[in-house]
């Protein structure tokens, strides 16, 4: 079976260590090269600016703050991403709701998210 994320560099922005490791391991099993994980919005923005990435998995709450600057930058660069979070999708403003939302506990489905 072909790995669905083979050859893709995927940024992981998640500040909870064990969740970040679990997502990272799952992405690697799907064939992705993981960038990060990074634990803050500033680190994610720096990675986007400085590193060659193809997609991203974002937690909504990084270091206690819900901030959409990373999602906005990925959108501006036309890079696909999913939100991996335990928050209700209603937390996401309507103009950002076109992105898939995956609960962190069900992250193994991230590879099946539409781009």
N, C-alpha and C. Protein backbone atom coordinates (compact mmCIF):
# COMPACT_ATOMS: atom_id res chain seq x y z
N UNK A 1 0.83 -1.17 0.00
CA UNK A 1 0.00 0.00 0.00
C UNK A 1 0.88 1.24 0.00
N UNK A 2 0.54 2.20 -0.82
CA UNK A 2 1.29 3.44 -0.92
C UNK A 2 1.00 4.32 0.29
N UNK A 3 2.03 4.98 0.79
CA UNK A 3 1.84 5.90 1.91
C UNK A 3 1.22 7.19 1.39
N UNK A 4 0.05 7.59 1.92
CA UNK A 4 -0.67 8.75 1.38
C UNK A 4 0.05 10.08 1.55
N UNK A 5 0.97 10.18 2.49
CA UNK A 5 1.67 11.44 2.70
C UNK A 5 3.15 11.36 2.32
N UNK A 6 3.50 10.33 1.55
CA UNK A 6 4.89 10.16 1.13
C UNK A 6 5.39 11.42 0.44
N UNK A 7 6.59 11.81 0.80
CA UNK A 7 7.29 12.94 0.20
C UNK A 7 6.77 14.30 0.67
N UNK A 8 5.80 14.34 1.57
CA UNK A 8 5.30 15.62 2.06
C UNK A 8 5.98 16.00 3.36
N UNK A 9 6.31 17.28 3.49
CA UNK A 9 6.87 17.82 4.73
C UNK A 9 5.73 18.50 5.48
N UNK A 10 5.37 17.95 6.63
CA UNK A 10 4.20 18.41 7.38
C UNK A 10 4.64 19.04 8.70
N UNK A 11 4.27 20.30 8.88
CA UNK A 11 4.53 21.01 10.13
C UNK A 11 3.50 20.58 11.17
N UNK A 12 3.97 20.27 12.37
CA UNK A 12 3.10 19.96 13.50
C UNK A 12 3.25 21.07 14.53
N UNK A 13 2.15 21.76 14.82
CA UNK A 13 2.13 22.80 15.85
C UNK A 13 1.23 22.33 16.98
N UNK A 14 1.84 21.88 18.05
CA UNK A 14 1.12 21.29 19.20
C UNK A 14 2.00 21.47 20.43
N UNK A 15 1.45 22.03 21.50
CA UNK A 15 2.25 22.28 22.69
C UNK A 15 2.14 21.20 23.77
N UNK A 16 1.29 20.24 23.60
CA UNK A 16 1.20 19.12 24.54
C UNK A 16 2.13 18.01 24.04
N UNK A 17 3.17 17.72 24.83
CA UNK A 17 4.23 16.82 24.38
C UNK A 17 3.72 15.48 23.86
N UNK A 18 2.89 14.79 24.64
CA UNK A 18 2.47 13.44 24.26
C UNK A 18 1.56 13.46 23.03
N UNK A 19 0.72 14.47 22.92
CA UNK A 19 -0.13 14.60 21.73
C UNK A 19 0.74 14.89 20.51
N UNK A 20 1.71 15.78 20.66
CA UNK A 20 2.62 16.10 19.57
C UNK A 20 3.38 14.86 19.10
N UNK A 21 3.85 14.06 20.06
CA UNK A 21 4.57 12.84 19.69
C UNK A 21 3.66 11.84 18.99
N UNK A 22 2.45 11.72 19.46
CA UNK A 22 1.50 10.79 18.85
C UNK A 22 1.16 11.21 17.41
N UNK A 23 0.91 12.49 17.21
CA UNK A 23 0.62 13.00 15.86
C UNK A 23 1.85 12.81 14.97
N UNK A 24 3.02 13.14 15.50
CA UNK A 24 4.26 12.99 14.74
C UNK A 24 4.47 11.54 14.31
N UNK A 25 4.28 10.62 15.23
CA UNK A 25 4.45 9.20 14.90
C UNK A 25 3.44 8.75 13.85
N UNK A 26 2.21 9.18 13.98
CA UNK A 26 1.17 8.81 13.02
C UNK A 26 1.48 9.34 11.63
N UNK A 27 1.92 10.60 11.56
CA UNK A 27 2.28 11.18 10.26
C UNK A 27 3.45 10.45 9.64
N UNK A 28 4.43 10.10 10.45
CA UNK A 28 5.59 9.37 9.94
C UNK A 28 5.17 8.01 9.39
N UNK A 29 4.24 7.33 10.07
CA UNK A 29 3.74 6.05 9.57
C UNK A 29 3.02 6.20 8.24
N UNK A 30 2.44 7.38 8.01
CA UNK A 30 1.76 7.65 6.75
C UNK A 30 2.73 8.12 5.67
N UNK A 31 4.02 8.20 6.00
CA UNK A 31 5.03 8.53 5.02
C UNK A 31 5.49 9.97 5.02
N UNK A 32 4.95 10.80 5.88
CA UNK A 32 5.32 12.21 5.90
C UNK A 32 6.67 12.41 6.58
N UNK A 33 7.34 13.47 6.18
CA UNK A 33 8.49 13.97 6.91
C UNK A 33 7.96 15.07 7.82
N UNK A 34 8.11 14.89 9.11
CA UNK A 34 7.53 15.84 10.07
C UNK A 34 8.51 16.98 10.33
N UNK A 35 7.98 18.19 10.26
CA UNK A 35 8.72 19.39 10.62
C UNK A 35 8.22 19.79 12.00
N UNK A 36 9.13 19.84 12.96
CA UNK A 36 8.74 20.12 14.34
C UNK A 36 8.73 18.83 15.12
N UNK A 37 7.85 18.76 16.09
CA UNK A 37 6.76 19.69 16.37
C UNK A 37 7.25 20.99 17.00
N UNK A 38 6.46 22.04 16.80
CA UNK A 38 6.71 23.33 17.44
C UNK A 38 5.60 23.58 18.45
N UNK A 39 5.91 24.35 19.49
CA UNK A 39 4.98 24.49 20.60
C UNK A 39 4.34 25.87 20.73
N UNK A 40 4.62 26.76 19.79
CA UNK A 40 4.02 28.10 19.87
C UNK A 40 3.70 28.62 18.48
N UNK A 41 2.82 29.60 18.45
CA UNK A 41 2.48 30.23 17.18
C UNK A 41 3.68 30.92 16.56
N UNK A 42 4.50 31.58 17.37
CA UNK A 42 5.69 32.26 16.83
C UNK A 42 6.66 31.27 16.20
N UNK A 43 6.86 30.13 16.86
CA UNK A 43 7.75 29.11 16.30
C UNK A 43 7.17 28.53 15.01
N UNK A 44 5.85 28.37 14.97
CA UNK A 44 5.22 27.86 13.75
C UNK A 44 5.37 28.86 12.61
N UNK A 45 5.16 30.14 12.90
CA UNK A 45 5.32 31.16 11.85
C UNK A 45 6.76 31.21 11.35
N UNK A 46 7.71 31.06 12.26
CA UNK A 46 9.12 31.04 11.85
C UNK A 46 9.41 29.83 10.97
N UNK A 47 8.87 28.67 11.33
CA UNK A 47 9.08 27.46 10.53
C UNK A 47 8.48 27.63 9.13
N UNK A 48 7.30 28.23 9.05
CA UNK A 48 6.65 28.46 7.76
C UNK A 48 7.51 29.37 6.90
N UNK A 49 8.09 30.41 7.51
CA UNK A 49 8.89 31.38 6.77
C UNK A 49 10.24 30.82 6.34
N UNK A 50 10.83 29.97 7.19
CA UNK A 50 12.20 29.54 6.95
C UNK A 50 12.36 28.15 6.36
N UNK A 51 11.36 27.31 6.51
CA UNK A 51 11.48 25.92 6.08
C UNK A 51 10.51 25.62 4.95
N UNK A 52 10.86 24.65 4.17
CA UNK A 52 10.00 24.24 3.06
C UNK A 52 8.99 23.21 3.58
N UNK A 53 7.73 23.64 3.72
CA UNK A 53 6.70 22.72 4.18
C UNK A 53 5.62 22.60 3.12
N UNK A 54 4.91 21.47 3.16
CA UNK A 54 3.84 21.21 2.20
C UNK A 54 2.45 21.28 2.82
N UNK A 55 2.37 21.09 4.14
CA UNK A 55 1.08 21.06 4.83
C UNK A 55 1.34 21.21 6.32
N UNK A 56 0.24 21.30 7.10
CA UNK A 56 0.42 21.45 8.54
C UNK A 56 -0.75 20.85 9.31
N UNK A 57 -0.45 20.46 10.55
CA UNK A 57 -1.45 20.03 11.52
C UNK A 57 -1.32 21.00 12.68
N UNK A 58 -2.42 21.71 13.00
CA UNK A 58 -2.39 22.77 14.00
C UNK A 58 -3.32 22.49 15.16
N UNK A 59 -2.82 22.71 16.36
CA UNK A 59 -3.69 22.77 17.52
C UNK A 59 -4.25 24.18 17.57
N UNK A 60 -5.49 24.32 18.02
CA UNK A 60 -6.09 25.66 18.13
C UNK A 60 -5.50 26.45 19.29
N UNK A 61 -5.14 25.78 20.36
CA UNK A 61 -4.67 26.45 21.56
C UNK A 61 -3.20 26.12 21.77
N UNK A 62 -2.35 27.09 21.49
CA UNK A 62 -0.91 26.92 21.70
C UNK A 62 -0.49 27.83 22.85
N UNK A 63 0.07 27.24 23.87
CA UNK A 63 0.54 27.97 25.05
C UNK A 63 -0.55 28.84 25.67
N UNK A 64 -1.77 28.31 25.72
CA UNK A 64 -2.86 28.99 26.38
C UNK A 64 -3.57 30.06 25.59
N UNK A 65 -3.26 30.17 24.30
CA UNK A 65 -3.85 31.21 23.47
C UNK A 65 -4.43 30.61 22.19
N UNK A 66 -5.67 30.99 21.90
CA UNK A 66 -6.25 30.63 20.61
C UNK A 66 -5.95 31.79 19.67
N UNK A 67 -5.14 31.51 18.66
CA UNK A 67 -4.68 32.55 17.73
C UNK A 67 -4.67 31.94 16.33
N UNK A 68 -5.24 32.64 15.39
CA UNK A 68 -5.34 32.11 14.03
C UNK A 68 -4.26 32.65 13.09
N UNK A 69 -3.21 33.28 13.63
CA UNK A 69 -2.16 33.85 12.78
C UNK A 69 -1.47 32.77 11.94
N UNK A 70 -1.24 31.59 12.52
CA UNK A 70 -0.59 30.51 11.77
C UNK A 70 -1.51 30.02 10.65
N UNK A 71 -2.77 29.82 10.96
CA UNK A 71 -3.74 29.40 9.93
C UNK A 71 -3.84 30.45 8.83
N UNK A 72 -3.84 31.71 9.22
CA UNK A 72 -3.91 32.79 8.23
C UNK A 72 -2.70 32.78 7.31
N UNK A 73 -1.51 32.55 7.88
CA UNK A 73 -0.29 32.54 7.06
C UNK A 73 -0.28 31.33 6.11
N UNK A 74 -0.71 30.19 6.60
CA UNK A 74 -0.80 29.01 5.73
C UNK A 74 -1.80 29.25 4.60
N UNK A 75 -2.92 29.86 4.92
CA UNK A 75 -3.92 30.18 3.89
C UNK A 75 -3.33 31.14 2.86
N UNK A 76 -2.63 32.17 3.35
CA UNK A 76 -2.01 33.14 2.44
C UNK A 76 -1.03 32.47 1.48
N UNK A 77 -0.35 31.44 1.96
CA UNK A 77 0.62 30.72 1.14
C UNK A 77 -0.02 29.56 0.36
N UNK A 78 -1.32 29.41 0.52
CA UNK A 78 -2.07 28.36 -0.16
C UNK A 78 -1.57 26.95 0.22
N UNK A 79 -1.25 26.78 1.50
CA UNK A 79 -0.79 25.49 2.01
C UNK A 79 -1.93 24.81 2.76
N UNK A 80 -2.18 23.54 2.50
CA UNK A 80 -3.27 22.84 3.20
C UNK A 80 -2.92 22.58 4.66
N UNK A 81 -3.95 22.58 5.50
CA UNK A 81 -3.76 22.27 6.91
C UNK A 81 -5.05 21.76 7.50
N UNK A 82 -4.91 21.09 8.65
CA UNK A 82 -6.07 20.67 9.44
C UNK A 82 -5.86 21.16 10.86
N UNK A 83 -6.96 21.41 11.53
CA UNK A 83 -6.93 21.69 12.95
C UNK A 83 -7.08 20.36 13.68
N UNK A 84 -6.15 20.06 14.58
CA UNK A 84 -6.25 18.86 15.43
C UNK A 84 -6.47 19.38 16.84
N UNK A 85 -7.67 19.24 17.34
CA UNK A 85 -8.01 19.88 18.60
C UNK A 85 -9.13 19.15 19.31
N UNK A 86 -9.23 19.38 20.58
CA UNK A 86 -10.35 18.87 21.36
C UNK A 86 -11.48 19.88 21.44
N UNK A 87 -11.25 21.08 20.91
CA UNK A 87 -12.28 22.12 20.93
C UNK A 87 -13.40 21.81 19.97
N UNK A 88 -14.57 22.32 20.26
CA UNK A 88 -15.71 22.21 19.37
C UNK A 88 -15.43 23.03 18.11
N UNK A 89 -15.80 22.54 16.93
CA UNK A 89 -15.58 23.30 15.70
C UNK A 89 -16.23 24.68 15.70
N UNK A 90 -17.22 24.90 16.55
CA UNK A 90 -17.88 26.20 16.62
C UNK A 90 -16.93 27.30 17.11
N UNK A 91 -15.82 26.92 17.74
CA UNK A 91 -14.83 27.89 18.20
C UNK A 91 -14.15 28.57 17.01
N UNK A 92 -14.13 27.90 15.88
CA UNK A 92 -13.46 28.43 14.69
C UNK A 92 -14.39 29.43 14.01
N UNK A 93 -13.90 30.66 13.77
CA UNK A 93 -14.74 31.64 13.08
C UNK A 93 -15.23 31.11 11.73
N UNK A 94 -16.40 31.54 11.34
CA UNK A 94 -17.04 30.99 10.13
C UNK A 94 -16.18 31.13 8.89
N UNK A 95 -15.41 32.21 8.76
CA UNK A 95 -14.59 32.36 7.55
C UNK A 95 -13.40 31.41 7.52
N UNK A 96 -13.18 30.65 8.59
CA UNK A 96 -12.11 29.65 8.61
C UNK A 96 -12.66 28.23 8.66
N UNK A 97 -13.96 28.08 8.62
CA UNK A 97 -14.55 26.76 8.80
C UNK A 97 -14.49 25.88 7.56
N UNK A 98 -13.84 26.34 6.52
CA UNK A 98 -13.66 25.48 5.35
C UNK A 98 -12.56 24.46 5.57
N UNK A 99 -11.82 24.58 6.66
CA UNK A 99 -10.72 23.64 6.95
C UNK A 99 -11.23 22.48 7.78
N UNK A 100 -10.69 21.29 7.52
CA UNK A 100 -11.08 20.14 8.33
C UNK A 100 -10.67 20.32 9.78
N UNK A 101 -11.48 19.80 10.67
CA UNK A 101 -11.17 19.79 12.09
C UNK A 101 -11.15 18.34 12.53
N UNK A 102 -10.07 17.94 13.13
CA UNK A 102 -9.93 16.58 13.62
C UNK A 102 -9.68 16.64 15.11
N UNK A 103 -10.41 15.87 15.86
CA UNK A 103 -10.14 15.80 17.30
C UNK A 103 -8.79 15.15 17.50
N UNK A 104 -8.03 15.69 18.42
CA UNK A 104 -6.69 15.16 18.67
C UNK A 104 -6.72 13.68 19.01
N UNK A 105 -7.76 13.23 19.70
CA UNK A 105 -7.82 11.83 20.08
C UNK A 105 -8.10 10.92 18.89
N UNK A 106 -8.53 11.51 17.79
CA UNK A 106 -8.77 10.70 16.60
C UNK A 106 -7.83 11.12 15.48
N UNK A 107 -6.63 11.55 15.82
CA UNK A 107 -5.71 12.09 14.84
C UNK A 107 -5.29 11.11 13.77
N UNK A 108 -5.45 9.84 13.98
CA UNK A 108 -5.04 8.88 12.96
C UNK A 108 -5.83 9.08 11.67
N UNK A 109 -6.91 9.82 11.74
CA UNK A 109 -7.69 10.14 10.56
C UNK A 109 -7.14 11.35 9.82
N UNK A 110 -6.09 11.98 10.34
CA UNK A 110 -5.54 13.18 9.72
C UNK A 110 -5.14 12.89 8.28
N UNK A 111 -4.54 11.74 8.02
CA UNK A 111 -4.12 11.41 6.67
C UNK A 111 -5.27 11.31 5.69
N UNK A 112 -6.48 11.15 6.18
CA UNK A 112 -7.66 11.05 5.31
C UNK A 112 -8.33 12.40 5.09
N UNK A 113 -7.83 13.47 5.74
CA UNK A 113 -8.45 14.79 5.59
C UNK A 113 -8.25 15.32 4.19
N UNK A 114 -9.29 15.92 3.61
CA UNK A 114 -9.13 16.50 2.28
C UNK A 114 -8.19 17.67 2.30
N UNK A 115 -7.50 17.91 1.20
CA UNK A 115 -6.57 19.04 1.15
C UNK A 115 -7.23 20.26 0.58
